[in-house]
Amino acid sequence: MIADERRRMAELVESLKPGELYTQSLCESWTVHEVAAHLCAPWIFGARRIVPAVVRHGFRVHRANAELVRDLAADLTADEISRQLRMNAEFVFRAPIVGLLGQLTDLQVHGQDICRPLGLTRDLVPERMLPSLEFLLSSKARGSFVPRGRLDGLRFLAEDLDWEGGEGLLTVRGRGEALLLAVTGRPVALDELTGSGVAALRARIA
């Protein structure tokens, strides 16, 4: 699944025009180019550089990524990113705690981080969204993909995947893609969700 998502990402990056590469992505302060470069970090930097960066930033993964991605984006052109993704599609990187599911989830979410601001349609594969949703609601995603407390008291239901997860009386319903993006803090997906828990989730993201 991870290898195929990397190849899909390579095709996506190749299809972008120069101006699109410097569009603001959904991922905080990163451009589309920076998001794509970030996905090459596992084999370029490896655990020897990634893990110390995470520790240095108090296990705040996003801050560690921000430090590393600046170097990558400066060093890699879009063509080089695409080539790297293809050449290393089968590369196995089990990040501490989040493991392989972290990689799979990262690829799916960042693909939408790129496509949505550009008005591009990129369908996610249902069989890959399911393990990522389960992962995001697990303790392994806390503090890295999902801040502690964001999902407390909420139950999530993916209407297009026949899936539900989480514990709570307040419900959040929508398509699997919208749930992936909202749970990982992308406000753009909140308007696509319904249920008694949407207001609470919106306030926590804000």
N, C-alpha and C. Protein backbone atom coordinates (compact mmCIF):
# COMPACT_ATOMS: atom_id res chain seq x y z
N MET A 1 0.83 -1.21 0.00
CA MET A 1 0.00 0.00 0.00
C MET A 1 0.87 1.26 0.00
N ILE A 2 1.89 1.25 0.85
CA ILE A 2 2.78 2.41 0.93
C ILE A 2 3.52 2.62 -0.39
N ALA A 3 4.02 1.54 -0.98
CA ALA A 3 4.76 1.65 -2.24
C ALA A 3 3.88 2.24 -3.34
N ASP A 4 2.64 1.77 -3.41
CA ASP A 4 1.74 2.28 -4.45
C ASP A 4 1.39 3.74 -4.21
N GLU A 5 1.21 4.12 -2.96
CA GLU A 5 0.91 5.52 -2.66
C GLU A 5 2.09 6.42 -3.02
N ARG A 6 3.30 5.94 -2.82
CA ARG A 6 4.47 6.74 -3.23
C ARG A 6 4.52 6.91 -4.74
N ARG A 7 4.18 5.85 -5.46
CA ARG A 7 4.17 5.96 -6.92
C ARG A 7 3.06 6.92 -7.39
N ARG A 8 1.92 6.85 -6.76
CA ARG A 8 0.83 7.78 -7.08
C ARG A 8 1.26 9.22 -6.80
N MET A 9 1.98 9.41 -5.71
CA MET A 9 2.46 10.74 -5.37
C MET A 9 3.46 11.24 -6.40
N ALA A 10 4.32 10.34 -6.88
CA ALA A 10 5.28 10.72 -7.91
C ALA A 10 4.56 11.21 -9.17
N GLU A 11 3.51 10.52 -9.57
CA GLU A 11 2.72 10.94 -10.73
C GLU A 11 2.07 12.29 -10.49
N LEU A 12 1.58 12.50 -9.28
CA LEU A 12 0.94 13.76 -8.95
C LEU A 12 1.93 14.92 -9.04
N VAL A 13 3.10 14.76 -8.45
CA VAL A 13 4.10 15.83 -8.46
C VAL A 13 4.53 16.13 -9.89
N GLU A 14 4.69 15.11 -10.71
CA GLU A 14 5.08 15.31 -12.10
C GLU A 14 4.05 16.11 -12.88
N SER A 15 2.80 15.99 -12.48
CA SER A 15 1.72 16.65 -13.23
C SER A 15 1.56 18.13 -12.90
N LEU A 16 2.23 18.59 -11.86
CA LEU A 16 2.04 19.96 -11.39
C LEU A 16 2.86 20.98 -12.19
N LYS A 17 2.28 22.15 -12.37
CA LYS A 17 2.98 23.24 -13.03
C LYS A 17 3.85 23.97 -12.00
N PRO A 18 4.88 24.69 -12.48
CA PRO A 18 5.78 25.37 -11.53
C PRO A 18 5.06 26.26 -10.53
N GLY A 19 4.06 27.01 -11.01
CA GLY A 19 3.33 27.89 -10.10
C GLY A 19 2.55 27.14 -9.04
N GLU A 20 2.08 25.95 -9.38
CA GLU A 20 1.31 25.15 -8.43
C GLU A 20 2.17 24.62 -7.30
N LEU A 21 3.44 24.40 -7.60
CA LEU A 21 4.35 23.85 -6.58
C LEU A 21 4.53 24.80 -5.41
N TYR A 22 4.34 26.07 -5.63
CA TYR A 22 4.56 27.05 -4.56
C TYR A 22 3.25 27.59 -3.99
N THR A 23 2.18 26.88 -4.26
CA THR A 23 0.89 27.18 -3.66
C THR A 23 0.90 26.72 -2.20
N GLN A 24 0.23 27.48 -1.35
CA GLN A 24 0.10 27.08 0.06
C GLN A 24 -0.70 25.79 0.15
N SER A 25 -0.17 24.79 0.83
CA SER A 25 -0.87 23.52 1.00
C SER A 25 -1.80 23.62 2.21
N LEU A 26 -2.50 22.54 2.51
CA LEU A 26 -3.33 22.49 3.71
C LEU A 26 -2.50 22.28 4.96
N CYS A 27 -1.25 21.95 4.79
CA CYS A 27 -0.39 21.60 5.91
C CYS A 27 0.32 22.84 6.45
N GLU A 28 -0.31 23.51 7.35
CA GLU A 28 0.19 24.70 8.02
C GLU A 28 1.01 25.61 7.10
N SER A 29 2.29 25.78 7.39
CA SER A 29 3.09 26.77 6.65
C SER A 29 3.85 26.17 5.47
N TRP A 30 3.52 24.95 5.05
CA TRP A 30 4.25 24.32 3.96
C TRP A 30 3.59 24.58 2.62
N THR A 31 4.43 24.80 1.62
CA THR A 31 3.95 24.86 0.24
C THR A 31 3.75 23.44 -0.28
N VAL A 32 3.14 23.33 -1.45
CA VAL A 32 2.97 22.03 -2.09
C VAL A 32 4.33 21.37 -2.31
N HIS A 33 5.30 22.14 -2.74
CA HIS A 33 6.65 21.62 -2.97
C HIS A 33 7.25 21.06 -1.68
N GLU A 34 7.06 21.77 -0.58
CA GLU A 34 7.63 21.32 0.69
C GLU A 34 6.95 20.06 1.21
N VAL A 35 5.64 19.96 1.02
CA VAL A 35 4.93 18.75 1.43
C VAL A 35 5.48 17.54 0.66
N ALA A 36 5.64 17.70 -0.65
CA ALA A 36 6.15 16.61 -1.47
C ALA A 36 7.57 16.23 -1.07
N ALA A 37 8.40 17.22 -0.80
CA ALA A 37 9.78 16.95 -0.39
C ALA A 37 9.82 16.19 0.93
N HIS A 38 8.95 16.55 1.83
CA HIS A 38 8.88 15.90 3.16
C HIS A 38 8.73 14.38 3.04
N LEU A 39 8.02 13.92 2.02
CA LEU A 39 7.75 12.49 1.87
C LEU A 39 9.00 11.69 1.50
N CYS A 40 10.07 12.38 1.14
CA CYS A 40 11.34 11.71 0.81
C CYS A 40 12.25 11.57 2.03
N ALA A 41 11.84 12.14 3.15
CA ALA A 41 12.70 12.16 4.34
C ALA A 41 13.12 10.79 4.84
N PRO A 42 12.25 9.76 4.83
CA PRO A 42 12.65 8.48 5.43
C PRO A 42 13.94 7.89 4.88
N TRP A 43 14.14 7.96 3.56
CA TRP A 43 15.37 7.35 3.01
C TRP A 43 16.51 8.33 2.85
N ILE A 44 16.20 9.62 2.79
CA ILE A 44 17.29 10.59 2.67
C ILE A 44 17.93 10.86 4.03
N PHE A 45 17.10 11.03 5.04
CA PHE A 45 17.62 11.31 6.38
C PHE A 45 17.76 10.05 7.22
N GLY A 46 16.79 9.15 7.12
CA GLY A 46 16.83 7.93 7.92
C GLY A 46 16.60 8.21 9.40
N ALA A 47 16.50 7.14 10.16
CA ALA A 47 16.21 7.26 11.59
C ALA A 47 17.31 8.02 12.33
N ARG A 48 18.56 7.95 11.84
CA ARG A 48 19.67 8.59 12.55
C ARG A 48 19.51 10.10 12.65
N ARG A 49 18.81 10.68 11.70
CA ARG A 49 18.59 12.12 11.76
C ARG A 49 17.17 12.47 12.19
N ILE A 50 16.20 11.65 11.79
CA ILE A 50 14.81 11.95 12.11
C ILE A 50 14.54 11.81 13.61
N VAL A 51 14.98 10.70 14.20
CA VAL A 51 14.71 10.46 15.62
C VAL A 51 15.34 11.55 16.50
N PRO A 52 16.63 11.91 16.30
CA PRO A 52 17.18 12.99 17.13
C PRO A 52 16.43 14.31 16.98
N ALA A 53 15.93 14.60 15.77
CA ALA A 53 15.18 15.83 15.57
C ALA A 53 13.87 15.80 16.37
N VAL A 54 13.22 14.64 16.37
CA VAL A 54 11.98 14.50 17.14
C VAL A 54 12.25 14.67 18.63
N VAL A 55 13.32 14.05 19.12
CA VAL A 55 13.68 14.16 20.54
C VAL A 55 14.04 15.61 20.88
N ARG A 56 14.79 16.25 20.00
CA ARG A 56 15.23 17.63 20.23
C ARG A 56 14.05 18.59 20.38
N HIS A 57 12.97 18.27 19.70
CA HIS A 57 11.77 19.11 19.76
C HIS A 57 10.72 18.57 20.73
N GLY A 58 11.19 17.81 21.72
CA GLY A 58 10.29 17.33 22.75
C GLY A 58 9.21 16.40 22.23
N PHE A 59 9.56 15.58 21.24
CA PHE A 59 8.65 14.62 20.62
C PHE A 59 7.47 15.31 19.91
N ARG A 60 7.67 16.55 19.56
CA ARG A 60 6.68 17.26 18.74
C ARG A 60 7.05 17.02 17.29
N VAL A 61 6.40 16.04 16.69
CA VAL A 61 6.76 15.57 15.36
C VAL A 61 6.66 16.68 14.32
N HIS A 62 5.63 17.51 14.42
CA HIS A 62 5.44 18.56 13.41
C HIS A 62 6.59 19.57 13.44
N ARG A 63 7.08 19.89 14.62
CA ARG A 63 8.19 20.83 14.71
C ARG A 63 9.48 20.21 14.16
N ALA A 64 9.68 18.93 14.45
CA ALA A 64 10.85 18.25 13.90
C ALA A 64 10.78 18.20 12.38
N ASN A 65 9.59 17.89 11.86
CA ASN A 65 9.43 17.86 10.40
C ASN A 65 9.70 19.21 9.77
N ALA A 66 9.25 20.28 10.43
CA ALA A 66 9.45 21.62 9.88
C ALA A 66 10.93 21.93 9.74
N GLU A 67 11.71 21.48 10.71
CA GLU A 67 13.16 21.70 10.65
C GLU A 67 13.78 20.94 9.48
N LEU A 68 13.39 19.67 9.32
CA LEU A 68 13.99 18.82 8.30
C LEU A 68 13.54 19.18 6.89
N VAL A 69 12.27 19.58 6.76
CA VAL A 69 11.73 19.78 5.42
C VAL A 69 12.35 20.99 4.73
N ARG A 70 12.80 21.97 5.49
CA ARG A 70 13.44 23.13 4.87
C ARG A 70 14.67 22.71 4.07
N ASP A 71 15.45 21.81 4.64
CA ASP A 71 16.65 21.33 3.94
C ASP A 71 16.28 20.54 2.69
N LEU A 72 15.27 19.68 2.83
CA LEU A 72 14.87 18.85 1.70
C LEU A 72 14.34 19.69 0.55
N ALA A 73 13.45 20.62 0.86
CA ALA A 73 12.83 21.42 -0.19
C ALA A 73 13.87 22.27 -0.93
N ALA A 74 14.89 22.70 -0.21
CA ALA A 74 15.95 23.49 -0.84
C ALA A 74 16.81 22.64 -1.76
N ASP A 75 16.95 21.37 -1.44
CA ASP A 75 17.86 20.49 -2.18
C ASP A 75 17.21 19.77 -3.36
N LEU A 76 15.90 19.57 -3.31
CA LEU A 76 15.23 18.74 -4.31
C LEU A 76 14.30 19.54 -5.21
N THR A 77 14.46 19.40 -6.52
CA THR A 77 13.49 19.96 -7.46
C THR A 77 12.29 19.02 -7.53
N ALA A 78 11.24 19.45 -8.19
CA ALA A 78 10.05 18.60 -8.33
C ALA A 78 10.38 17.32 -9.08
N ASP A 79 11.19 17.42 -10.12
CA ASP A 79 11.58 16.23 -10.88
C ASP A 79 12.37 15.26 -10.01
N GLU A 80 13.23 15.81 -9.16
CA GLU A 80 14.02 14.95 -8.28
C GLU A 80 13.14 14.28 -7.22
N ILE A 81 12.13 15.00 -6.75
CA ILE A 81 11.20 14.42 -5.77
C ILE A 81 10.46 13.24 -6.40
N SER A 82 9.96 13.43 -7.61
CA SER A 82 9.25 12.35 -8.30
C SER A 82 10.16 11.14 -8.50
N ARG A 83 11.38 11.40 -8.91
CA ARG A 83 12.33 10.31 -9.14
C ARG A 83 12.64 9.59 -7.83
N GLN A 84 12.82 10.34 -6.77
CA GLN A 84 13.10 9.75 -5.46
C GLN A 84 11.94 8.87 -4.99
N LEU A 85 10.72 9.35 -5.17
CA LEU A 85 9.55 8.58 -4.74
C LEU A 85 9.44 7.26 -5.50
N ARG A 86 9.74 7.28 -6.78
CA ARG A 86 9.67 6.06 -7.57
C ARG A 86 10.80 5.09 -7.20
N MET A 87 12.01 5.61 -7.12
CA MET A 87 13.17 4.77 -6.84
C MET A 87 13.06 4.11 -5.46
N ASN A 88 12.43 4.80 -4.53
CA ASN A 88 12.37 4.31 -3.15
C ASN A 88 10.97 3.91 -2.72
N ALA A 89 10.14 3.58 -3.70
CA ALA A 89 8.75 3.23 -3.38
C ALA A 89 8.67 2.06 -2.41
N GLU A 90 9.59 1.12 -2.52
CA GLU A 90 9.55 -0.09 -1.68
C GLU A 90 10.35 0.08 -0.38
N PHE A 91 10.89 1.25 -0.15
CA PHE A 91 11.70 1.47 1.05
C PHE A 91 10.85 1.28 2.31
N VAL A 92 11.37 0.51 3.25
CA VAL A 92 10.65 0.23 4.50
C VAL A 92 11.22 1.10 5.63
N PHE A 93 10.35 1.91 6.21
CA PHE A 93 10.76 2.77 7.33
C PHE A 93 9.72 2.65 8.44
N ARG A 94 10.12 2.00 9.51
CA ARG A 94 9.22 1.86 10.66
C ARG A 94 9.57 2.95 11.67
N ALA A 95 8.86 4.05 11.57
CA ALA A 95 9.13 5.15 12.49
C ALA A 95 8.77 4.75 13.92
N PRO A 96 9.50 5.28 14.91
CA PRO A 96 9.19 4.95 16.30
C PRO A 96 7.72 5.21 16.62
N ILE A 97 7.10 4.31 17.29
CA ILE A 97 5.71 4.37 17.77
C ILE A 97 4.70 4.24 16.64
N VAL A 98 4.75 5.13 15.63
CA VAL A 98 3.70 5.15 14.60
C VAL A 98 3.88 4.06 13.55
N GLY A 99 5.09 3.53 13.40
CA GLY A 99 5.33 2.40 12.51
C GLY A 99 4.92 2.63 11.06
N LEU A 100 4.58 1.53 10.39
CA LEU A 100 4.23 1.59 8.97
C LEU A 100 2.89 2.30 8.74
N LEU A 101 1.97 2.19 9.68
CA LEU A 101 0.69 2.87 9.52
C LEU A 101 0.85 4.38 9.52
N GLY A 102 1.86 4.85 10.21
CA GLY A 102 2.17 6.29 10.16
C GLY A 102 2.56 6.72 8.77
N GLN A 103 3.37 5.89 8.09
CA GLN A 103 3.78 6.19 6.72
C GLN A 103 2.59 6.19 5.77
N LEU A 104 1.76 5.17 5.88
CA LEU A 104 0.59 5.06 5.00
C LEU A 104 -0.34 6.25 5.19
N THR A 105 -0.58 6.61 6.43
CA THR A 105 -1.47 7.73 6.73
C THR A 105 -0.88 9.04 6.25
N ASP A 106 0.40 9.22 6.45
CA ASP A 106 1.10 10.43 6.01
C ASP A 106 0.92 10.65 4.51
N LEU A 107 1.10 9.60 3.74
CA LEU A 107 0.99 9.70 2.28
C LEU A 107 -0.42 10.07 1.85
N GLN A 108 -1.42 9.46 2.47
CA GLN A 108 -2.80 9.74 2.08
C GLN A 108 -3.21 11.17 2.43
N VAL A 109 -2.89 11.58 3.65
CA VAL A 109 -3.29 12.92 4.09
C VAL A 109 -2.54 13.99 3.31
N HIS A 110 -1.23 13.80 3.12
CA HIS A 110 -0.46 14.81 2.40
C HIS A 110 -0.84 14.89 0.93
N GLY A 111 -1.32 13.80 0.37
CA GLY A 111 -1.81 13.87 -1.00
C GLY A 111 -2.97 14.84 -1.11
N GLN A 112 -3.87 14.81 -0.12
CA GLN A 112 -4.99 15.75 -0.12
C GLN A 112 -4.54 17.15 0.26
N ASP A 113 -3.50 17.27 1.07
CA ASP A 113 -2.93 18.58 1.39
C ASP A 113 -2.49 19.30 0.12
N ILE A 114 -2.02 18.52 -0.83
CA ILE A 114 -1.57 19.08 -2.11
C ILE A 114 -2.74 19.35 -3.05
N CYS A 115 -3.62 18.38 -3.18
CA CYS A 115 -4.66 18.45 -4.21
C CYS A 115 -5.77 19.45 -3.92
N ARG A 116 -6.22 19.49 -2.71
CA ARG A 116 -7.39 20.34 -2.40
C ARG A 116 -7.16 21.83 -2.68
N PRO A 117 -6.04 22.42 -2.26
CA PRO A 117 -5.84 23.84 -2.57
C PRO A 117 -5.72 24.11 -4.07
N LEU A 118 -5.35 23.09 -4.83
CA LEU A 118 -5.19 23.26 -6.28
C LEU A 118 -6.46 22.90 -7.04
N GLY A 119 -7.49 22.50 -6.34
CA GLY A 119 -8.75 22.13 -6.99
C GLY A 119 -8.67 20.83 -7.75
N LEU A 120 -7.74 19.96 -7.36
CA LEU A 120 -7.56 18.68 -8.03
C LEU A 120 -8.30 17.57 -7.29
N THR A 121 -8.83 16.63 -8.04
CA THR A 121 -9.51 15.48 -7.44
C THR A 121 -8.55 14.31 -7.37
N ARG A 122 -8.43 13.75 -6.18
CA ARG A 122 -7.55 12.59 -5.99
C ARG A 122 -8.25 11.63 -5.05
N ASP A 123 -8.87 10.61 -5.62
CA ASP A 123 -9.62 9.66 -4.81
C ASP A 123 -8.68 8.80 -3.97
N LEU A 124 -9.04 8.64 -2.71
CA LEU A 124 -8.29 7.74 -1.84
C LEU A 124 -8.86 6.34 -1.95
N VAL A 125 -8.02 5.35 -1.72
CA VAL A 125 -8.42 3.95 -1.83
C VAL A 125 -9.09 3.52 -0.52
N PRO A 126 -10.36 3.08 -0.58
CA PRO A 126 -11.07 2.71 0.66
C PRO A 126 -10.32 1.75 1.55
N GLU A 127 -9.71 0.72 0.95
CA GLU A 127 -9.00 -0.29 1.74
C GLU A 127 -7.78 0.27 2.46
N ARG A 128 -7.33 1.45 2.05
CA ARG A 128 -6.18 2.08 2.71
C ARG A 128 -6.64 3.11 3.74
N MET A 129 -7.81 3.69 3.52
CA MET A 129 -8.33 4.63 4.50
C MET A 129 -8.70 3.93 5.79
N LEU A 130 -9.21 2.70 5.70
CA LEU A 130 -9.68 1.99 6.89
C LEU A 130 -8.57 1.80 7.94
N PRO A 131 -7.40 1.23 7.58
CA PRO A 131 -6.35 1.10 8.59
C PRO A 131 -5.83 2.44 9.10
N SER A 132 -5.87 3.46 8.24
CA SER A 132 -5.41 4.78 8.68
C SER A 132 -6.39 5.41 9.68
N LEU A 133 -7.66 5.23 9.47
CA LEU A 133 -8.64 5.74 10.43
C LEU A 133 -8.49 5.03 11.77
N GLU A 134 -8.31 3.71 11.72
CA GLU A 134 -8.11 2.96 12.96
C GLU A 134 -6.84 3.45 13.67
N PHE A 135 -5.79 3.67 12.90
CA PHE A 135 -4.53 4.16 13.47
C PHE A 135 -4.71 5.52 14.14
N LEU A 136 -5.39 6.44 13.47
CA LEU A 136 -5.54 7.79 13.99
C LEU A 136 -6.33 7.84 15.29
N LEU A 137 -7.21 6.85 15.47
CA LEU A 137 -7.98 6.81 16.70
C LEU A 137 -7.30 5.99 17.80
N SER A 138 -6.12 5.45 17.49
CA SER A 138 -5.39 4.63 18.46
C SER A 138 -4.42 5.50 19.26
N SER A 139 -3.92 4.93 20.34
CA SER A 139 -2.97 5.65 21.20
C SER A 139 -1.65 5.93 20.48
N LYS A 140 -1.32 5.14 19.46
CA LYS A 140 -0.07 5.32 18.75
C LYS A 140 0.00 6.66 17.99
N ALA A 141 -1.16 7.21 17.64
CA ALA A 141 -1.20 8.47 16.90
C ALA A 141 -1.23 9.69 17.80
N ARG A 142 -1.43 9.49 19.09
CA ARG A 142 -1.54 10.61 20.01
C ARG A 142 -0.22 11.35 20.17
N GLY A 143 -0.30 12.65 20.11
CA GLY A 143 0.88 13.47 20.30
C GLY A 143 1.70 13.70 19.05
N SER A 144 1.42 12.95 18.00
CA SER A 144 2.14 13.14 16.74
C SER A 144 1.16 13.52 15.64
N PHE A 145 0.32 12.57 15.24
CA PHE A 145 -0.68 12.86 14.22
C PHE A 145 -1.89 13.59 14.81
N VAL A 146 -2.21 13.28 16.05
CA VAL A 146 -3.41 13.83 16.69
C VAL A 146 -3.05 14.33 18.09
N PRO A 147 -3.22 15.63 18.36
CA PRO A 147 -2.94 16.13 19.71
C PRO A 147 -3.83 15.46 20.75
N ARG A 148 -3.29 15.26 21.92
CA ARG A 148 -4.07 14.66 23.00
C ARG A 148 -5.29 15.52 23.32
N GLY A 149 -6.41 14.87 23.49
CA GLY A 149 -7.64 15.56 23.85
C GLY A 149 -8.54 15.92 22.69
N ARG A 150 -8.00 15.94 21.46
CA ARG A 150 -8.81 16.36 20.32
C ARG A 150 -10.01 15.44 20.08
N LEU A 151 -9.84 14.15 20.31
CA LEU A 151 -10.89 13.19 19.97
C LEU A 151 -11.69 12.72 21.18
N ASP A 152 -11.43 13.28 22.34
CA ASP A 152 -12.10 12.83 23.56
C ASP A 152 -13.62 12.99 23.45
N GLY A 153 -14.34 11.93 23.79
CA GLY A 153 -15.80 11.99 23.83
C GLY A 153 -16.48 11.97 22.47
N LEU A 154 -15.71 11.70 21.41
CA LEU A 154 -16.27 11.72 20.06
C LEU A 154 -16.30 10.32 19.45
N ARG A 155 -17.35 10.05 18.71
CA ARG A 155 -17.46 8.80 17.94
C ARG A 155 -17.57 9.16 16.47
N PHE A 156 -16.75 8.53 15.65
CA PHE A 156 -16.65 8.86 14.23
C PHE A 156 -17.29 7.76 13.38
N LEU A 157 -18.02 8.19 12.36
CA LEU A 157 -18.68 7.24 11.45
C LEU A 157 -18.40 7.64 10.01
N ALA A 158 -17.75 6.75 9.27
CA ALA A 158 -17.46 6.98 7.84
C ALA A 158 -18.61 6.40 7.02
N GLU A 159 -19.39 7.25 6.44
CA GLU A 159 -20.61 6.82 5.76
C GLU A 159 -20.33 6.09 4.45
N ASP A 160 -19.18 6.30 3.85
CA ASP A 160 -18.86 5.64 2.59
C ASP A 160 -18.03 4.38 2.78
N LEU A 161 -17.63 4.09 4.03
CA LEU A 161 -16.77 2.94 4.30
C LEU A 161 -17.41 1.93 5.23
N ASP A 162 -18.59 2.24 5.74
CA ASP A 162 -19.24 1.37 6.73
C ASP A 162 -18.28 1.12 7.89
N TRP A 163 -17.76 2.20 8.44
CA TRP A 163 -16.77 2.11 9.54
C TRP A 163 -17.15 3.08 10.63
N GLU A 164 -16.87 2.72 11.86
CA GLU A 164 -17.02 3.64 12.97
C GLU A 164 -15.98 3.33 14.03
N GLY A 165 -15.62 4.36 14.78
CA GLY A 165 -14.60 4.19 15.81
C GLY A 165 -14.62 5.35 16.78
N GLY A 166 -13.93 5.18 17.88
CA GLY A 166 -13.92 6.19 18.91
C GLY A 166 -14.96 5.91 19.97
N GLU A 167 -14.84 6.61 21.08
CA GLU A 167 -15.77 6.40 22.18
C GLU A 167 -16.34 7.73 22.64
N GLY A 168 -17.65 7.82 22.72
CA GLY A 168 -18.27 9.05 23.20
C GLY A 168 -19.72 9.15 22.77
N LEU A 169 -20.42 10.11 23.34
CA LEU A 169 -21.82 10.33 23.03
C LEU A 169 -22.02 11.26 21.84
N LEU A 170 -21.00 12.05 21.52
CA LEU A 170 -21.09 12.99 20.42
C LEU A 170 -20.58 12.33 19.14
N THR A 171 -21.33 12.45 18.07
CA THR A 171 -20.97 11.78 16.81
C THR A 171 -20.47 12.76 15.76
N VAL A 172 -19.59 12.27 14.93
CA VAL A 172 -19.07 13.01 13.78
C VAL A 172 -19.18 12.09 12.57
N ARG A 173 -19.96 12.49 11.58
CA ARG A 173 -20.23 11.66 10.42
C ARG A 173 -19.72 12.32 9.13
N GLY A 174 -19.32 11.49 8.17
CA GLY A 174 -18.92 12.01 6.88
C GLY A 174 -18.17 10.97 6.08
N ARG A 175 -17.65 11.38 4.93
CA ARG A 175 -16.85 10.47 4.12
C ARG A 175 -15.51 10.20 4.81
N GLY A 176 -14.93 9.06 4.49
CA GLY A 176 -13.66 8.69 5.10
C GLY A 176 -12.58 9.73 4.89
N GLU A 177 -12.51 10.30 3.68
CA GLU A 177 -11.49 11.31 3.40
C GLU A 177 -11.65 12.52 4.31
N ALA A 178 -12.88 12.99 4.46
CA ALA A 178 -13.13 14.16 5.31
C ALA A 178 -12.77 13.87 6.76
N LEU A 179 -13.05 12.66 7.22
CA LEU A 179 -12.69 12.30 8.59
C LEU A 179 -11.18 12.26 8.77
N LEU A 180 -10.45 11.69 7.80
CA LEU A 180 -8.99 11.66 7.87
C LEU A 180 -8.42 13.07 8.01
N LEU A 181 -8.94 13.98 7.20
CA LEU A 181 -8.41 15.34 7.22
C LEU A 181 -8.80 16.09 8.48
N ALA A 182 -10.03 15.92 8.92
CA ALA A 182 -10.47 16.64 10.12
C ALA A 182 -9.76 16.14 11.37
N VAL A 183 -9.64 14.83 11.50
CA VAL A 183 -8.97 14.26 12.68
C VAL A 183 -7.52 14.72 12.76
N THR A 184 -6.88 14.91 11.62
CA THR A 184 -5.49 15.38 11.59
C THR A 184 -5.39 16.90 11.55
N GLY A 185 -6.51 17.59 11.78
CA GLY A 185 -6.46 19.03 12.00
C GLY A 185 -6.61 19.91 10.79
N ARG A 186 -7.21 19.40 9.71
CA ARG A 186 -7.43 20.23 8.52
C ARG A 186 -8.84 20.83 8.58
N PRO A 187 -9.00 22.11 8.92
CA PRO A 187 -10.33 22.71 9.07
C PRO A 187 -11.18 22.67 7.81
N VAL A 188 -10.52 22.60 6.64
CA VAL A 188 -11.26 22.64 5.38
C VAL A 188 -12.28 21.52 5.27
N ALA A 189 -12.07 20.41 5.98
CA ALA A 189 -12.97 19.26 5.87
C ALA A 189 -14.14 19.33 6.83
N LEU A 190 -14.13 20.25 7.78
CA LEU A 190 -15.16 20.28 8.81
C LEU A 190 -16.55 20.54 8.25
N ASP A 191 -16.64 21.36 7.22
CA ASP A 191 -17.95 21.66 6.64
C ASP A 191 -18.56 20.47 5.91
N GLU A 192 -17.76 19.44 5.69
CA GLU A 192 -18.26 18.23 5.02
C GLU A 192 -18.77 17.20 6.02
N LEU A 193 -18.69 17.53 7.30
CA LEU A 193 -19.09 16.60 8.34
C LEU A 193 -20.39 17.04 9.01
N THR A 194 -21.10 16.08 9.56
CA THR A 194 -22.33 16.36 10.29
C THR A 194 -22.30 15.61 11.62
N GLY A 195 -23.22 15.97 12.50
CA GLY A 195 -23.32 15.26 13.77
C GLY A 195 -23.13 16.17 14.96
N SER A 196 -23.50 15.66 16.11
CA SER A 196 -23.48 16.45 17.34
C SER A 196 -22.08 16.79 17.82
N GLY A 197 -21.06 16.11 17.30
CA GLY A 197 -19.70 16.35 17.76
C GLY A 197 -18.87 17.28 16.88
N VAL A 198 -19.45 17.75 15.78
CA VAL A 198 -18.67 18.58 14.86
C VAL A 198 -18.25 19.90 15.50
N ALA A 199 -19.15 20.51 16.27
CA ALA A 199 -18.84 21.78 16.90
C ALA A 199 -17.67 21.63 17.88
N ALA A 200 -17.67 20.55 18.64
CA ALA A 200 -16.58 20.31 19.58
C ALA A 200 -15.26 20.09 18.86
N LEU A 201 -15.31 19.31 17.76
CA LEU A 201 -14.10 19.06 16.98
C LEU A 201 -13.58 20.34 16.36
N ARG A 202 -14.48 21.18 15.86
CA ARG A 202 -14.08 22.45 15.26
C ARG A 202 -13.39 23.34 16.30
N ALA A 203 -13.95 23.41 17.49
CA ALA A 203 -13.36 24.25 18.54
C ALA A 203 -11.98 23.75 18.93
N ARG A 204 -11.80 22.44 18.97
CA ARG A 204 -10.50 21.88 19.37
C ARG A 204 -9.44 22.11 18.31
N ILE A 205 -9.84 22.04 17.05
CA ILE A 205 -8.88 22.31 15.96
C ILE A 205 -8.50 23.78 15.96
N ALA A 206 -9.49 24.64 16.18
CA ALA A 206 -9.22 26.08 16.18
C ALA A 206 -8.29 26.46 17.32
